[in-house]
Each structure stands twice: as C-alpha cells, then as structure tokens.
Amino acid sequence: MMHHIRQHDGNITVYLPLKERDIYLVGTFSQWQVQQRFKMQSCGGQLILTVPFEPLNKIGNSGYIEFYFWDDAAQLPLPIPSDLSAGYYFNNQCNQGHNLLLFPTSPSTSELLTIADLSNQSLTIKQCETEFDSVKQLANFRAVTGGALAPDRLYRSYHPVLASRQNHPQLKSIEIVRQKAVRALFEQAGIQTVINLSETTSELVQAMETAPDSAYKQCWQERRVHCVPMAYETVYFMSDRDESFLPNELGFQSGIREVINIVASQPGPYLVHCRLGSDRTGVVSAFLQLLMGAEVVDIEQSYLITNQLGIGEYRSFKLLRHALVTSLGVNCFEPEVDCVGEYLATLGIFPEIIERARMHLAGG
C-alpha cells in the first residue's frame, strides 16, 4: 500500500490508505520508539498525520531521515510497497528489512541511484577472514592521519575484548577472529594509552575478568585504559550540549574535555575505540584530526573506511558532518580557523593543556 507525503508551510503530512488502525510513524526522530505524538489519525477513509518538519529532521545511518509505519496491533512494521522505487528506502540490518526515507527536498534521479547503490552495498556481510583485504581491515584498525598528526601516533579500532555483534547469526564467528586481530595489532603498534568510548569503568572491570591475556589487558591492569563512555545518540545528535543520552555516561562536552585531558597527560601512541570503532570512535577521531589541522578529505576518508567492515550497515559522512558542525560551527572544516581550540577554551580547558595535547599528537 503506497503512502503519500506532502510538505507545506514547514509541516509534513503523511497519508496512508488504511482505516481505523493504530499506526505510528517510528524512526530516527523518535529513537525508533513508539511515541503518541506520531500516531496517525483516521480521517476521510484514510490515516493522516501532520507534524512540523523540524522534529522529524534527524538523519539515520543512510544520511537521510529514516522511518517505517508501525502496526501496533501486529507489533510489526508494515511492509514497504513492492512497487516503491529504489532510492526511497534503505536497508536496515537491525530490523532485517528496509526503512523508508524522508527527503527535505525532492531527490534527483542521480541521488536516488546513489542511495539505491549504497543500500545494496550495505547488505554485504563478510563472514570469513579471507573476504577482507587485510587483517587491519578485518579489525577496523588503522592509524588516524591528517594535518600535524605524527605517523603511527593515533589509532582507531574495533573493540579488543567485547564483540559488537556476538549474537548475530552471520557475524558471531567472525567477531571472535576480529577481536583476536585487534589485540595482535594493538601489541604491534605499541599502544601506550587507550580511550575506551563504550564502557563505564565498572562495566569494563567486569568484562576484563574473563578477557584473554593480551597487551590490551596488561594496559588495563596498568590503568592505561581510560573509560570515556558516550552513546551513539550523544556524539551524533547531542554534540551541542553536555547532556548524556544514557545514564552513567558522559555528555559530549564532558567527554571531549576528558579526551583532551587524557591525551595531554598520557603518553602515546594512543588508541581510540568503542564497539565497532565507527560512530563514537569516528566522531572523536575526527575531532582530534581537526585539532591537528586535518583537511576534510582526510577526515571523510578515515570515517568511511568503516563501511568496509562488512557488518551489513552503512554510515554516511553526513552523520559525522552534522556532529562536528553542530558542536564547532559551520566553518569547522576551514583550515585557517582554529574552531577546535576556541571550542575547547569555552569548555574551560587551559591553553597549555590544549597545546600539550597537540604536541603529544604531533609526536612530541
């Protein structure tokens, strides 16, 4: 059944040819939760919902607003129309289906073709080590470069001891291989300081009780693994404030303040990681790249390499751009402007600490 969307006077009206059913719009704008304000109302033999556009304007991994129609009685999303043109929906591994896309302006034919191609690519799941070009690609382990960053000074990776997709039927085996690869590369790189963005200290203590012996575990035992937990929602959509999306975690500003203090006070080489090493790791790595004067091309390349990880999910650079512009301003990618230095000063970080962090990342 084909839905229709009309934009008018800053509002979005969605029409669905159904009668008297409890149908909700669920999407990026509702944290994928059923919310009463997005319930469709029966009117003239169909279901209608009119809402302001701005509350909906929150992009997903595709780089666009994503949603589906939730049938509350069936406790299932409605299937997408079989005749819906490619480009108007995007693969979603999390719900084993597709999400519909909402565009702020009418997409061009070339844009729809690109979306369709990326959606197809995001279906790819790599289950064997031989499907990867290198062990580093398997582990999502790489040096972060750009600007004044010294070679092999800052790294990013998948989590060394906690699998992100341990219950996924196609990924649970390769996750074990992936973690082993991360630990080996960790040791080879001679990592001295770790910034863990995914667990609180107490959560990591519990995980390390059963973790295999490794250089990472030794690093943790020597108190060189620093926990700076921030949620996906926090780094992407709450980077303009110091409010945490999840309890017992840090807001964006507190998290960034902690990261800079760690880099300024601890020796390198440094490793930044979360679970996948894509979202939270991507934002913090990009922030440090900007601190060191990296160009946008270096930042985008480092971020998009994660799409080769083979977990069946895609990340658009629009997500990262949104997080950085929201926190640092629209001119944050202009190399002649020290947006990061000015931003860190507003967080109360002393100039000498900022410069020490820069010096450490430059190899000093």
Protein backbone atom coordinates (compact mmCIF):
# COMPACT_ATOMS: atom_id res chain seq x y z
CA MET A 1 0.00 0.00 0.00
CA MET A 2 1.57 3.25 -1.14
CA HIS A 3 1.86 6.14 1.28
CA HIS A 4 1.94 9.79 0.25
CA ILE A 5 3.86 12.66 1.79
CA ARG A 6 3.17 16.36 1.30
CA GLN A 7 5.29 19.25 2.56
CA HIS A 8 3.57 22.55 3.26
CA ASP A 9 4.21 25.63 5.42
CA GLY A 10 7.01 23.94 7.37
CA ASN A 11 4.88 20.87 8.03
CA ILE A 12 4.84 17.31 6.76
CA THR A 13 1.56 15.49 6.16
CA VAL A 14 1.67 11.73 5.69
CA TYR A 15 -1.28 9.86 4.15
CA LEU A 16 -1.82 6.11 4.36
CA PRO A 17 -4.78 4.32 2.67
CA LEU A 18 -5.92 2.40 5.76
CA LYS A 19 -8.91 2.70 8.06
CA GLU A 20 -9.21 2.61 11.86
CA ARG A 21 -5.86 1.08 12.79
CA ASP A 22 -3.29 2.03 15.39
CA ILE A 23 -0.42 3.04 13.13
CA TYR A 24 2.56 5.10 14.26
CA LEU A 25 5.44 6.74 12.46
CA VAL A 26 8.57 5.32 14.06
CA GLY A 27 12.02 6.46 13.02
CA THR A 28 15.23 8.31 13.65
CA PHE A 29 13.19 11.20 15.06
CA SER A 30 11.63 9.00 17.80
CA GLN A 31 14.78 7.00 18.68
CA TRP A 32 12.93 4.12 16.98
CA GLN A 33 10.37 4.14 19.80
CA VAL A 34 6.56 4.30 19.53
CA GLN A 35 5.51 7.80 20.58
CA GLN A 36 1.96 9.08 20.89
CA ARG A 37 2.71 12.32 19.05
CA PHE A 38 3.47 10.32 15.91
CA LYS A 39 0.23 8.30 15.91
CA MET A 40 -1.76 8.56 12.67
CA GLN A 41 -5.40 9.66 12.88
CA SER A 42 -8.37 8.35 10.92
CA CYS A 43 -9.83 10.94 8.56
CA GLY A 44 -11.97 10.54 5.44
CA GLY A 45 -11.32 6.84 4.99
CA GLN A 46 -7.55 7.05 5.44
CA LEU A 47 -4.92 7.64 8.11
CA ILE A 48 -3.28 11.05 8.31
CA LEU A 49 -0.51 12.60 10.39
CA THR A 50 0.57 16.25 10.19
CA VAL A 51 3.66 17.34 12.14
CA PRO A 52 6.21 20.16 11.85
CA PHE A 53 9.20 19.17 9.75
CA GLU A 54 11.86 20.18 12.26
CA PRO A 55 11.07 17.49 14.89
CA LEU A 56 11.43 14.92 12.10
CA ASN A 57 14.70 16.31 10.76
CA LYS A 58 17.08 13.79 12.25
CA ILE A 59 19.11 11.65 9.87
CA GLY A 60 19.97 7.98 10.21
CA ASN A 61 22.97 5.92 9.07
CA SER A 62 21.92 6.45 5.45
CA GLY A 63 22.35 10.20 5.81
CA TYR A 64 18.60 10.76 5.43
CA ILE A 65 15.57 10.79 7.72
CA GLU A 66 14.52 7.14 8.13
CA PHE A 67 11.20 5.73 9.30
CA TYR A 68 8.62 2.96 8.98
CA PHE A 69 4.93 2.56 9.75
CA TRP A 70 4.43 0.61 12.96
CA ASP A 71 1.30 -1.55 13.25
CA ASP A 72 0.72 -1.57 16.99
CA ALA A 73 -1.79 -4.43 16.93
CA ALA A 74 0.50 -6.72 14.95
CA GLN A 75 3.61 -5.41 16.72
CA LEU A 76 5.36 -5.27 13.35
CA PRO A 77 6.34 -2.62 10.81
CA LEU A 78 4.13 -2.51 7.74
CA PRO A 79 5.95 -3.93 4.70
CA ILE A 80 7.23 -1.37 2.23
CA PRO A 81 5.23 -1.21 -1.02
CA SER A 82 6.53 -3.68 -3.59
CA ASP A 83 6.32 -1.05 -6.32
CA LEU A 84 8.19 1.66 -4.39
CA SER A 85 11.08 2.98 -6.48
CA ALA A 86 14.64 2.16 -5.40
CA GLY A 87 16.26 5.06 -3.60
CA TYR A 88 13.21 5.84 -1.48
CA TYR A 89 14.17 3.18 1.07
CA PHE A 90 17.35 1.93 2.67
CA ASN A 91 18.47 -1.43 4.01
CA ASN A 92 18.31 -1.83 7.78
CA GLN A 93 20.11 -4.84 9.26
CA CYS A 94 18.76 -4.05 12.72
CA ASN A 95 15.15 -4.85 11.83
CA GLN A 96 16.02 -7.23 8.97
CA GLY A 97 14.11 -5.08 6.49
CA HIS A 98 14.13 -1.63 4.96
CA ASN A 99 13.46 1.86 6.25
CA LEU A 100 11.57 4.43 4.23
CA LEU A 101 13.36 7.71 3.57
CA LEU A 102 12.03 11.22 4.03
CA PHE A 103 13.69 13.96 1.98
CA PRO A 104 13.69 17.67 2.85
CA THR A 105 13.63 18.42 -0.90
CA SER A 106 12.78 16.26 -3.89
CA PRO A 107 15.77 13.99 -4.68
CA SER A 108 17.30 13.98 -8.15
CA THR A 109 17.47 10.83 -10.25
CA SER A 110 21.23 10.57 -9.69
CA GLU A 111 20.75 10.92 -5.92
CA LEU A 112 18.18 8.13 -5.91
CA LEU A 113 20.52 5.89 -7.92
CA THR A 114 23.34 6.55 -5.42
CA ILE A 115 21.06 5.79 -2.47
CA ALA A 116 19.92 2.54 -4.08
CA ASP A 117 23.52 1.50 -4.75
CA LEU A 118 24.64 2.26 -1.19
CA SER A 119 21.63 0.43 0.22
CA ASN A 120 22.59 -2.66 -1.78
CA GLN A 121 26.19 -2.37 -0.63
CA SER A 122 25.05 -2.21 2.99
CA LEU A 123 23.58 -5.70 2.62
CA THR A 124 27.09 -7.15 2.36
CA ILE A 125 28.14 -9.20 5.37
CA LYS A 126 31.65 -10.64 5.47
CA GLN A 127 31.77 -13.85 7.47
CA CYS A 128 35.29 -15.14 6.74
CA GLU A 129 38.73 -13.66 7.22
CA THR A 130 39.54 -14.34 3.56
CA GLU A 131 36.83 -11.88 2.49
CA PHE A 132 38.87 -8.98 3.86
CA ASP A 133 41.70 -7.25 2.01
CA SER A 134 43.90 -7.23 5.11
CA VAL A 135 43.96 -8.05 8.80
CA LYS A 136 43.73 -4.31 9.52
CA GLN A 137 40.50 -4.08 7.53
CA LEU A 138 39.12 -7.08 9.41
CA ALA A 139 39.95 -5.41 12.73
CA ASN A 140 38.91 -1.91 11.59
CA PHE A 141 42.34 -1.00 12.94
CA ARG A 142 44.17 1.91 11.38
CA ALA A 143 46.30 4.95 12.03
CA VAL A 144 44.49 8.28 12.03
CA THR A 145 46.26 10.81 9.80
CA GLY A 146 46.00 14.38 8.60
CA GLY A 147 47.38 17.81 9.44
CA ALA A 148 50.16 17.79 12.03
CA LEU A 149 49.33 14.30 13.33
CA ALA A 150 52.53 12.28 13.55
CA PRO A 151 52.56 8.93 11.70
CA ASP A 152 51.52 5.98 13.86
CA ARG A 153 50.67 8.25 16.76
CA LEU A 154 46.88 7.92 16.91
CA TYR A 155 44.94 4.74 16.07
CA ARG A 156 41.30 3.70 15.97
CA SER A 157 39.80 0.21 16.00
CA TYR A 158 37.09 -2.28 16.80
CA HIS A 159 36.80 -3.28 20.48
CA PRO A 160 39.66 -5.60 21.55
CA VAL A 161 37.67 -7.70 24.03
CA LEU A 162 33.90 -7.12 23.64
CA ALA A 163 32.11 -8.18 20.47
CA SER A 164 29.55 -5.82 18.99
CA ARG A 165 27.60 -8.45 17.08
CA GLN A 166 28.16 -11.53 19.26
CA ASN A 167 24.57 -12.81 18.79
CA HIS A 168 24.27 -12.07 15.08
CA PRO A 169 23.91 -15.45 13.30
CA GLN A 170 26.20 -14.46 10.42
CA LEU A 171 28.74 -12.45 12.41
CA LYS A 172 29.21 -14.17 15.77
CA SER A 173 32.05 -16.38 14.48
CA ILE A 174 34.00 -13.67 12.66
CA GLU A 175 33.69 -11.40 15.71
CA ILE A 176 35.97 -13.71 17.67
CA VAL A 177 38.53 -13.66 14.86
CA ARG A 178 38.17 -9.88 14.59
CA GLN A 179 38.90 -9.30 18.28
CA LYS A 180 41.96 -11.54 18.16
CA ALA A 181 43.23 -9.49 15.21
CA VAL A 182 42.68 -6.23 17.11
CA ARG A 183 44.69 -7.49 20.07
CA ALA A 184 47.58 -8.55 17.84
CA LEU A 185 47.65 -5.22 16.02
CA PHE A 186 47.36 -3.40 19.36
CA GLU A 187 50.56 -5.05 20.52
CA GLN A 188 52.36 -4.44 17.22
CA ALA A 189 51.52 -0.74 17.34
CA GLY A 190 52.95 -0.41 20.84
CA ILE A 191 49.85 1.35 22.16
CA GLN A 192 50.52 3.13 25.44
CA THR A 193 47.20 4.84 26.16
CA VAL A 194 43.63 3.74 25.36
CA ILE A 195 40.48 5.86 25.21
CA ASN A 196 37.52 3.48 25.53
CA LEU A 197 34.30 5.21 24.48
CA SER A 198 31.89 2.35 25.03
CA GLU A 199 32.04 1.14 28.66
CA THR A 200 31.99 2.68 32.08
CA THR A 201 34.88 1.69 34.32
CA SER A 202 32.74 -0.79 36.26
CA GLU A 203 31.47 -2.38 33.03
CA LEU A 204 34.99 -2.81 31.72
CA VAL A 205 36.19 -4.26 35.02
CA GLN A 206 33.54 -6.96 34.70
CA ALA A 207 34.43 -7.65 31.05
CA MET A 208 38.15 -7.90 31.77
CA GLU A 209 37.63 -10.66 34.34
CA THR A 210 37.15 -13.18 31.53
CA ALA A 211 39.18 -11.42 28.82
CA PRO A 212 42.19 -13.35 27.45
CA ASP A 213 45.69 -12.30 28.39
CA SER A 214 46.95 -9.70 25.96
CA ALA A 215 48.80 -6.40 25.69
CA TYR A 216 45.40 -4.70 25.97
CA LYS A 217 44.67 -6.48 29.25
CA GLN A 218 48.09 -5.55 30.56
CA CYS A 219 47.42 -1.96 29.55
CA TRP A 220 44.17 -2.09 31.52
CA GLN A 221 45.90 -3.65 34.54
CA GLU A 222 48.38 -0.77 34.47
CA ARG A 223 45.49 1.73 34.46
CA ARG A 224 46.30 2.97 30.98
CA VAL A 225 42.81 2.23 29.61
CA HIS A 226 40.65 5.27 30.25
CA CYS A 227 36.86 4.94 30.04
CA VAL A 228 35.04 7.88 28.45
CA PRO A 229 31.58 6.37 27.77
CA MET A 230 29.37 8.26 25.32
CA ALA A 231 26.34 6.99 23.42
CA TYR A 232 25.75 6.94 19.66
CA GLU A 233 22.93 9.46 20.16
CA THR A 234 25.16 11.68 22.29
CA VAL A 235 28.01 12.06 19.80
CA TYR A 236 25.84 12.48 16.70
CA PHE A 237 22.78 14.41 17.87
CA MET A 238 23.65 15.97 21.24
CA SER A 239 27.05 17.44 20.42
CA ASP A 240 25.80 20.96 21.11
CA ARG A 241 25.38 20.36 24.84
CA ASP A 242 26.64 18.49 27.90
CA GLU A 243 23.75 16.07 28.29
CA SER A 244 24.09 12.29 28.12
CA PHE A 245 21.61 10.15 26.21
CA LEU A 246 22.14 7.20 28.58
CA PRO A 247 22.53 7.24 32.36
CA ASN A 248 26.02 6.73 33.84
CA GLU A 249 27.60 8.08 30.65
CA LEU A 250 29.06 11.44 29.71
CA GLY A 251 27.62 14.29 27.73
CA PHE A 252 29.51 15.33 24.61
CA GLN A 253 31.27 18.30 26.16
CA SER A 254 32.40 16.38 29.25
CA GLY A 255 33.53 13.52 27.04
CA ILE A 256 35.62 15.76 24.79
CA ARG A 257 37.08 17.53 27.81
CA GLU A 258 38.13 14.16 29.24
CA VAL A 259 39.64 13.01 25.92
CA ILE A 260 41.79 16.15 25.63
CA ASN A 261 42.96 15.86 29.24
CA ILE A 262 43.95 12.22 28.66
CA VAL A 263 45.92 12.99 25.51
CA ALA A 264 47.60 15.95 27.20
CA SER A 265 48.64 13.98 30.28
CA GLN A 266 49.36 10.47 28.98
CA PRO A 267 51.96 9.14 26.54
CA GLY A 268 51.27 7.90 23.00
CA PRO A 269 50.74 6.03 20.80
CA TYR A 270 47.01 6.32 21.51
CA LEU A 271 44.11 4.05 20.58
CA VAL A 272 40.51 5.28 20.43
CA HIS A 273 37.82 2.60 20.26
CA CYS A 274 34.17 1.88 21.04
CA ARG A 275 32.45 -1.37 19.99
CA LEU A 276 32.52 -1.24 16.19
CA GLY A 277 35.03 1.58 16.03
CA SER A 278 32.76 3.51 13.67
CA ASP A 279 30.41 6.02 15.32
CA ARG A 280 31.71 7.21 18.68
CA THR A 281 35.24 6.42 17.57
CA GLY A 282 34.61 8.18 14.27
CA VAL A 283 33.43 11.41 15.89
CA VAL A 284 36.23 11.57 18.48
CA SER A 285 38.90 10.67 15.91
CA ALA A 286 37.60 13.37 13.58
CA PHE A 287 37.61 15.86 16.45
CA LEU A 288 41.29 15.10 17.11
CA GLN A 289 42.04 15.34 13.39
CA LEU A 290 40.51 18.82 13.33
CA LEU A 291 42.50 19.74 16.42
CA MET A 292 45.63 18.92 14.41
CA GLY A 293 44.53 20.81 11.29
CA ALA A 294 43.49 17.88 9.09
CA GLU A 295 41.62 18.62 5.87
CA VAL A 296 38.06 17.43 5.33
CA VAL A 297 39.20 14.89 2.71
CA ASP A 298 41.36 13.12 5.33
CA ILE A 299 38.54 13.15 7.87
CA GLU A 300 35.98 11.79 5.41
CA GLN A 301 38.31 9.05 4.18
CA SER A 302 39.10 7.87 7.71
CA TYR A 303 35.42 7.80 8.60
CA LEU A 304 34.12 5.97 5.53
CA ILE A 305 36.70 3.15 5.67
CA THR A 306 34.47 1.65 8.36
CA ASN A 307 31.95 0.75 5.64
CA GLN A 308 34.43 -1.97 4.57
CA LEU A 309 34.00 -3.70 7.94
CA GLY A 310 31.33 -5.96 6.47
CA ILE A 311 28.70 -5.87 9.23
CA GLY A 312 25.88 -5.13 6.81
CA GLU A 313 25.45 -1.49 7.87
CA TYR A 314 26.36 1.75 6.12
CA ARG A 315 27.48 5.07 7.62
CA SER A 316 27.04 8.31 5.68
CA PHE A 317 29.57 11.12 6.12
CA LYS A 318 26.53 13.37 6.66
CA LEU A 319 26.29 11.94 10.19
CA LEU A 320 29.81 12.96 11.08
CA ARG A 321 29.47 16.34 9.41
CA HIS A 322 26.29 17.00 11.42
CA ALA A 323 28.02 16.18 14.72
CA LEU A 324 31.02 18.39 14.02
CA VAL A 325 29.11 21.34 12.59
CA THR A 326 26.64 21.25 15.49
CA SER A 327 29.42 21.41 18.07
CA LEU A 328 32.07 23.51 16.30
CA GLY A 329 30.18 25.65 13.80
CA VAL A 330 29.70 25.71 10.04
CA ASN A 331 33.29 26.82 9.36
CA CYS A 332 34.88 23.95 11.29
CA PHE A 333 36.38 22.43 8.12
CA GLU A 334 38.17 25.65 7.14
CA PRO A 335 41.87 25.04 7.93
CA GLU A 336 42.68 28.67 8.67
CA VAL A 337 40.15 28.78 11.52
CA ASP A 338 41.03 27.18 14.88
CA CYS A 339 37.46 26.17 15.72
CA VAL A 340 38.58 23.33 17.96
CA GLY A 341 40.95 25.47 20.02
CA GLU A 342 38.26 28.10 20.51
CA TYR A 343 35.69 25.42 21.37
CA LEU A 344 37.96 23.74 23.93
CA ALA A 345 38.57 27.12 25.56
CA THR A 346 34.80 27.51 26.05
CA LEU A 347 34.86 24.17 27.89
CA GLY A 348 37.30 25.65 30.39
CA ILE A 349 40.38 23.81 29.13
CA PHE A 350 43.51 25.87 29.71
CA PRO A 351 45.57 26.86 26.64
CA GLU A 352 48.63 24.99 27.92
CA ILE A 353 46.63 21.74 28.12
CA ILE A 354 45.36 22.20 24.56
CA GLU A 355 48.89 22.83 23.31
CA ARG A 356 50.26 19.83 25.23
CA ALA A 357 47.62 17.62 23.63
CA ARG A 358 48.63 18.95 20.21
CA MET A 359 52.30 18.40 21.00
CA HIS A 360 51.67 14.77 22.05
CA LEU A 361 49.66 14.05 18.90
CA ALA A 362 52.41 15.61 16.81
CA GLY A 363 54.88 13.14 18.30
CA GLY A 364 56.42 15.36 20.94
